[in-house]
Amino acid sequence: MFLSYPILAALLGMLIAQFVKIPIHYVTSGELKWNLMFSTGGMPSSHTATIISLTTAIGLTTGLYSNEFAICVVVSLIVMHDATGVRRHAGYHAEVLNKLLADFNLLIETLKDPNLKKTESREKLKELLGHQPAEVFFGAITGIIVGILTYQVYPFP
């Protein structure tokens, strides 16, 4: 095999979490969005599923008391904290900025003053960046399951 078990587990964790977003979104909204396969945010967190799959794989192969597993746990906590903190709040900021731009353009259109600068035309900022805590939790569950199942079927030499 070209991929080591930990790398394979991490890649599968990411792919499965990204794919699962599509049916979950369909069930909750009735809308089938295939582009969720390539987007950030949503249920479950694919960043979390990826890092937890890797952490689970390292824990299973090197042991829970190994330095490698300790490093993975620390990096996992950073990734999960970032997903629910910084990235989520950046998404909130993008939402506010998009609303301000729309309101500004509406104001300019309403005033119709020829001396005013032409309306701003920019691409909307991406609003779905981070995750709610439940999305990160289910990303972690997905990662653990993928890590364990991959361990069961991986052909170790």
C-alpha atoms as a PDB file:
ATOM      1  CA  MET A   1       0.000   0.000   0.000  1.00  0.00           C
ATOM      2  CA  PHE A   2       1.183   3.491  -0.831  1.00  0.00           C
ATOM      3  CA  LEU A   3      -0.474   5.171   2.128  1.00  0.00           C
ATOM      4  CA  SER A   4       0.351   4.511   5.727  1.00  0.00           C
ATOM      5  CA  TYR A   5      -2.547   3.636   7.990  1.00  0.00           C
ATOM      6  CA  PRO A   6      -2.576   7.032   9.798  1.00  0.00           C
ATOM      7  CA  ILE A   7      -2.574   8.985   6.521  1.00  0.00           C
ATOM      8  CA  LEU A   8      -5.254   6.741   5.036  1.00  0.00           C
ATOM      9  CA  ALA A   9      -7.407   7.127   8.155  1.00  0.00           C
ATOM     10  CA  ALA A  10      -7.055  10.931   8.046  1.00  0.00           C
ATOM     11  CA  LEU A  11      -7.929  11.139   4.340  1.00  0.00           C
ATOM     12  CA  LEU A  12     -10.925   8.834   4.771  1.00  0.00           C
ATOM     13  CA  GLY A  13     -12.070  10.871   7.777  1.00  0.00           C
ATOM     14  CA  MET A  14     -12.006  14.027   5.679  1.00  0.00           C
ATOM     15  CA  LEU A  15     -13.746  12.466   2.663  1.00  0.00           C
ATOM     16  CA  ILE A  16     -16.461  10.774   4.691  1.00  0.00           C
ATOM     17  CA  ALA A  17     -17.184  13.907   6.743  1.00  0.00           C
ATOM     18  CA  GLN A  18     -17.373  16.035   3.585  1.00  0.00           C
ATOM     19  CA  PHE A  19     -19.677  13.547   1.840  1.00  0.00           C
ATOM     20  CA  VAL A  20     -21.974  13.121   4.861  1.00  0.00           C
ATOM     21  CA  LYS A  21     -22.666  16.880   4.836  1.00  0.00           C
ATOM     22  CA  ILE A  22     -24.747  16.456   1.668  1.00  0.00           C
ATOM     23  CA  PRO A  23     -27.435  14.052   3.010  1.00  0.00           C
ATOM     24  CA  ILE A  24     -27.486  15.792   6.411  1.00  0.00           C
ATOM     25  CA  HIS A  25     -28.168  19.136   4.732  1.00  0.00           C
ATOM     26  CA  TYR A  26     -30.811  17.509   2.516  1.00  0.00           C
ATOM     27  CA  VAL A  27     -32.630  15.993   5.501  1.00  0.00           C
ATOM     28  CA  THR A  28     -32.559  19.247   7.479  1.00  0.00           C
ATOM     29  CA  SER A  29     -33.402  21.672   4.652  1.00  0.00           C
ATOM     30  CA  GLY A  30     -34.868  19.632   1.802  1.00  0.00           C
ATOM     31  CA  GLU A  31     -32.216  21.121  -0.498  1.00  0.00           C
ATOM     32  CA  LEU A  32     -29.671  18.924  -2.285  1.00  0.00           C
ATOM     33  CA  LYS A  33     -26.362  20.826  -2.457  1.00  0.00           C
ATOM     34  CA  TRP A  34     -23.516  18.838  -4.021  1.00  0.00           C
ATOM     35  CA  ASN A  35     -21.101  21.755  -3.570  1.00  0.00           C
ATOM     36  CA  LEU A  36     -21.044  21.023   0.178  1.00  0.00           C
ATOM     37  CA  MET A  37     -18.564  18.278  -0.702  1.00  0.00           C
ATOM     38  CA  PHE A  38     -15.990  21.019  -1.309  1.00  0.00           C
ATOM     39  CA  SER A  39     -16.984  23.665   1.241  1.00  0.00           C
ATOM     40  CA  THR A  40     -16.026  24.579   4.782  1.00  0.00           C
ATOM     41  CA  GLY A  41     -18.403  24.637   7.719  1.00  0.00           C
ATOM     42  CA  GLY A  42     -21.438  22.434   8.211  1.00  0.00           C
ATOM     43  CA  MET A  43     -22.219  19.173   9.972  1.00  0.00           C
ATOM     44  CA  PRO A  44     -19.933  17.360  10.769  1.00  0.00           C
ATOM     45  CA  SER A  45     -16.656  19.272  10.920  1.00  0.00           C
ATOM     46  CA  SER A  46     -14.338  17.681   8.378  1.00  0.00           C
ATOM     47  CA  HIS A  47     -11.301  19.425   9.894  1.00  0.00           C
ATOM     48  CA  THR A  48     -12.117  17.755  13.201  1.00  0.00           C
ATOM     49  CA  ALA A  49     -12.885  14.393  11.571  1.00  0.00           C
ATOM     50  CA  THR A  50      -9.539  14.520   9.755  1.00  0.00           C
ATOM     51  CA  ILE A  51      -7.388  15.348  12.775  1.00  0.00           C
ATOM     52  CA  ILE A  52      -9.263  12.982  15.112  1.00  0.00           C
ATOM     53  CA  SER A  53      -8.968  10.122  12.581  1.00  0.00           C
ATOM     54  CA  LEU A  54      -5.236  10.771  12.503  1.00  0.00           C
ATOM     55  CA  THR A  55      -5.057  10.997  16.303  1.00  0.00           C
ATOM     56  CA  THR A  56      -7.023   7.754  16.683  1.00  0.00           C
ATOM     57  CA  ALA A  57      -4.724   6.015  14.183  1.00  0.00           C
ATOM     58  CA  ILE A  58      -1.600   7.221  15.974  1.00  0.00           C
ATOM     59  CA  GLY A  59      -3.056   6.181  19.336  1.00  0.00           C
ATOM     60  CA  LEU A  60      -3.869   2.704  18.061  1.00  0.00           C
ATOM     61  CA  THR A  61      -0.469   2.159  16.437  1.00  0.00           C
ATOM     62  CA  THR A  62       1.923   3.819  18.894  1.00  0.00           C
ATOM     63  CA  GLY A  63      -0.048   3.602  22.123  1.00  0.00           C
ATOM     64  CA  LEU A  64      -1.883   6.138  24.232  1.00  0.00           C
ATOM     65  CA  TYR A  65       1.262   6.996  26.214  1.00  0.00           C
ATOM     66  CA  SER A  66       3.481   7.727  23.206  1.00  0.00           C
ATOM     67  CA  ASN A  67       4.914  11.132  22.375  1.00  0.00           C
ATOM     68  CA  GLU A  68       3.343  10.933  18.921  1.00  0.00           C
ATOM     69  CA  PHE A  69      -0.134  10.488  20.383  1.00  0.00           C
ATOM     70  CA  ALA A  70       0.439  13.372  22.819  1.00  0.00           C
ATOM     71  CA  ILE A  71       1.399  15.655  19.929  1.00  0.00           C
ATOM     72  CA  CYS A  72      -1.693  14.599  17.985  1.00  0.00           C
ATOM     73  CA  VAL A  73      -3.962  15.288  20.963  1.00  0.00           C
ATOM     74  CA  VAL A  74      -2.554  18.804  21.377  1.00  0.00           C
ATOM     75  CA  VAL A  75      -2.871  19.586  17.655  1.00  0.00           C
ATOM     76  CA  SER A  76      -6.414  18.143  17.691  1.00  0.00           C
ATOM     77  CA  LEU A  77      -7.427  20.446  20.531  1.00  0.00           C
ATOM     78  CA  ILE A  78      -6.014  23.439  18.657  1.00  0.00           C
ATOM     79  CA  VAL A  79      -7.892  22.522  15.465  1.00  0.00           C
ATOM     80  CA  MET A  80     -11.181  22.010  17.328  1.00  0.00           C
ATOM     81  CA  HIS A  81     -10.776  25.238  19.302  1.00  0.00           C
ATOM     82  CA  ASP A  82     -10.014  27.136  16.108  1.00  0.00           C
ATOM     83  CA  ALA A  83     -13.076  25.673  14.349  1.00  0.00           C
ATOM     84  CA  THR A  84     -15.454  26.749  17.110  1.00  0.00           C
ATOM     85  CA  GLY A  85     -13.700  30.020  17.912  1.00  0.00           C
ATOM     86  CA  VAL A  86     -11.709  32.048  15.426  1.00  0.00           C
ATOM     87  CA  ARG A  87     -13.144  30.588  12.196  1.00  0.00           C
ATOM     88  CA  ARG A  88     -16.738  30.726  13.458  1.00  0.00           C
ATOM     89  CA  HIS A  89     -16.371  34.368  14.487  1.00  0.00           C
ATOM     90  CA  ALA A  90     -14.730  35.237  11.166  1.00  0.00           C
ATOM     91  CA  GLY A  91     -17.892  33.870   9.544  1.00  0.00           C
ATOM     92  CA  TYR A  92     -20.029  36.120  11.760  1.00  0.00           C
ATOM     93  CA  HIS A  93     -17.902  39.103  10.727  1.00  0.00           C
ATOM     94  CA  ALA A  94     -18.301  38.192   7.053  1.00  0.00           C
ATOM     95  CA  GLU A  95     -22.070  38.096   7.531  1.00  0.00           C
ATOM     96  CA  VAL A  96     -22.087  41.607   9.049  1.00  0.00           C
ATOM     97  CA  LEU A  97     -19.786  42.985   6.333  1.00  0.00           C
ATOM     98  CA  ASN A  98     -21.967  41.509   3.574  1.00  0.00           C
ATOM     99  CA  LYS A  99     -25.039  43.128   5.148  1.00  0.00           C
ATOM    100  CA  LEU A 100     -23.262  46.497   5.490  1.00  0.00           C
ATOM    101  CA  LEU A 101     -22.215  46.414   1.831  1.00  0.00           C
ATOM    102  CA  ALA A 102     -25.738  45.572   0.696  1.00  0.00           C
ATOM    103  CA  ASP A 103     -27.186  48.361   2.866  1.00  0.00           C
ATOM    104  CA  PHE A 104     -24.590  50.832   1.560  1.00  0.00           C
ATOM    105  CA  ASN A 105     -25.435  49.991  -2.047  1.00  0.00           C
ATOM    106  CA  LEU A 106     -29.150  50.331  -1.310  1.00  0.00           C
ATOM    107  CA  LEU A 107     -28.550  53.753   0.253  1.00  0.00           C
ATOM    108  CA  ILE A 108     -26.568  54.950  -2.783  1.00  0.00           C
ATOM    109  CA  GLU A 109     -29.297  53.700  -5.121  1.00  0.00           C
ATOM    110  CA  THR A 110     -31.970  55.439  -3.043  1.00  0.00           C
ATOM    111  CA  LEU A 111     -30.159  58.789  -3.000  1.00  0.00           C
ATOM    112  CA  LYS A 112     -29.339  58.725  -6.735  1.00  0.00           C
ATOM    113  CA  ASP A 113     -26.945  61.624  -6.300  1.00  0.00           C
ATOM    114  CA  PRO A 114     -24.640  61.877  -9.365  1.00  0.00           C
ATOM    115  CA  ASN A 115     -21.769  63.151  -7.184  1.00  0.00           C
ATOM    116  CA  LEU A 116     -21.741  60.000  -5.069  1.00  0.00           C
ATOM    117  CA  LYS A 117     -19.282  57.265  -5.876  1.00  0.00           C
ATOM    118  CA  LYS A 118     -20.586  54.383  -7.904  1.00  0.00           C
ATOM    119  CA  THR A 119     -21.883  51.541  -5.746  1.00  0.00           C
ATOM    120  CA  GLU A 120     -19.406  49.050  -4.397  1.00  0.00           C
ATOM    121  CA  SER A 121     -19.384  45.773  -6.261  1.00  0.00           C
ATOM    122  CA  ARG A 122     -17.485  43.041  -4.553  1.00  0.00           C
ATOM    123  CA  GLU A 123     -17.976  39.340  -4.258  1.00  0.00           C
ATOM    124  CA  LYS A 124     -19.803  38.358  -1.088  1.00  0.00           C
ATOM    125  CA  LEU A 125     -17.549  37.108   1.675  1.00  0.00           C
ATOM    126  CA  LYS A 126     -17.953  33.453   2.623  1.00  0.00           C
ATOM    127  CA  GLU A 127     -20.040  33.312   5.782  1.00  0.00           C
ATOM    128  CA  LEU A 128     -19.937  29.604   6.583  1.00  0.00           C
ATOM    129  CA  LEU A 129     -16.367  29.243   7.860  1.00  0.00           C
ATOM    130  CA  GLY A 130     -16.413  27.747  11.325  1.00  0.00           C
ATOM    131  CA  HIS A 131     -18.529  25.334  13.303  1.00  0.00           C
ATOM    132  CA  GLN A 132     -20.997  25.158  16.117  1.00  0.00           C
ATOM    133  CA  PRO A 133     -19.765  22.995  19.028  1.00  0.00           C
ATOM    134  CA  ALA A 134     -22.163  20.178  18.030  1.00  0.00           C
ATOM    135  CA  GLU A 135     -20.646  20.062  14.525  1.00  0.00           C
ATOM    136  CA  VAL A 136     -17.162  19.718  16.019  1.00  0.00           C
ATOM    137  CA  PHE A 137     -18.400  17.044  18.452  1.00  0.00           C
ATOM    138  CA  PHE A 138     -19.862  14.963  15.621  1.00  0.00           C
ATOM    139  CA  GLY A 139     -16.708  15.529  13.584  1.00  0.00           C
ATOM    140  CA  ALA A 140     -14.762  14.016  16.492  1.00  0.00           C
ATOM    141  CA  ILE A 141     -17.153  11.042  16.684  1.00  0.00           C
ATOM    142  CA  THR A 142     -16.798  10.563  12.919  1.00  0.00           C
ATOM    143  CA  GLY A 143     -13.008  10.680  13.242  1.00  0.00           C
ATOM    144  CA  ILE A 144     -12.901   8.104  16.024  1.00  0.00           C
ATOM    145  CA  ILE A 145     -15.188   5.728  14.114  1.00  0.00           C
ATOM    146  CA  VAL A 146     -13.227   6.115  10.863  1.00  0.00           C
ATOM    147  CA  GLY A 147      -9.904   5.654  12.679  1.00  0.00           C
ATOM    148  CA  ILE A 148     -11.073   2.448  14.372  1.00  0.00           C
ATOM    149  CA  LEU A 149     -12.760   0.972  11.276  1.00  0.00           C
ATOM    150  CA  THR A 150      -9.739   1.748   9.101  1.00  0.00           C
ATOM    151  CA  TYR A 151      -7.524   0.019  11.672  1.00  0.00           C
ATOM    152  CA  GLN A 152      -9.739  -3.080  11.429  1.00  0.00           C
ATOM    153  CA  VAL A 153      -9.447  -3.366   7.642  1.00  0.00           C
ATOM    154  CA  TYR A 154      -5.954  -1.984   6.956  1.00  0.00           C
ATOM    155  CA  PRO A 155      -3.621  -4.757   5.743  1.00  0.00           C
ATOM    156  CA  PHE A 156      -0.711  -4.417   8.158  1.00  0.00           C
ATOM    157  CA  PRO A 157       2.425  -6.317   7.013  1.00  0.00           C
END
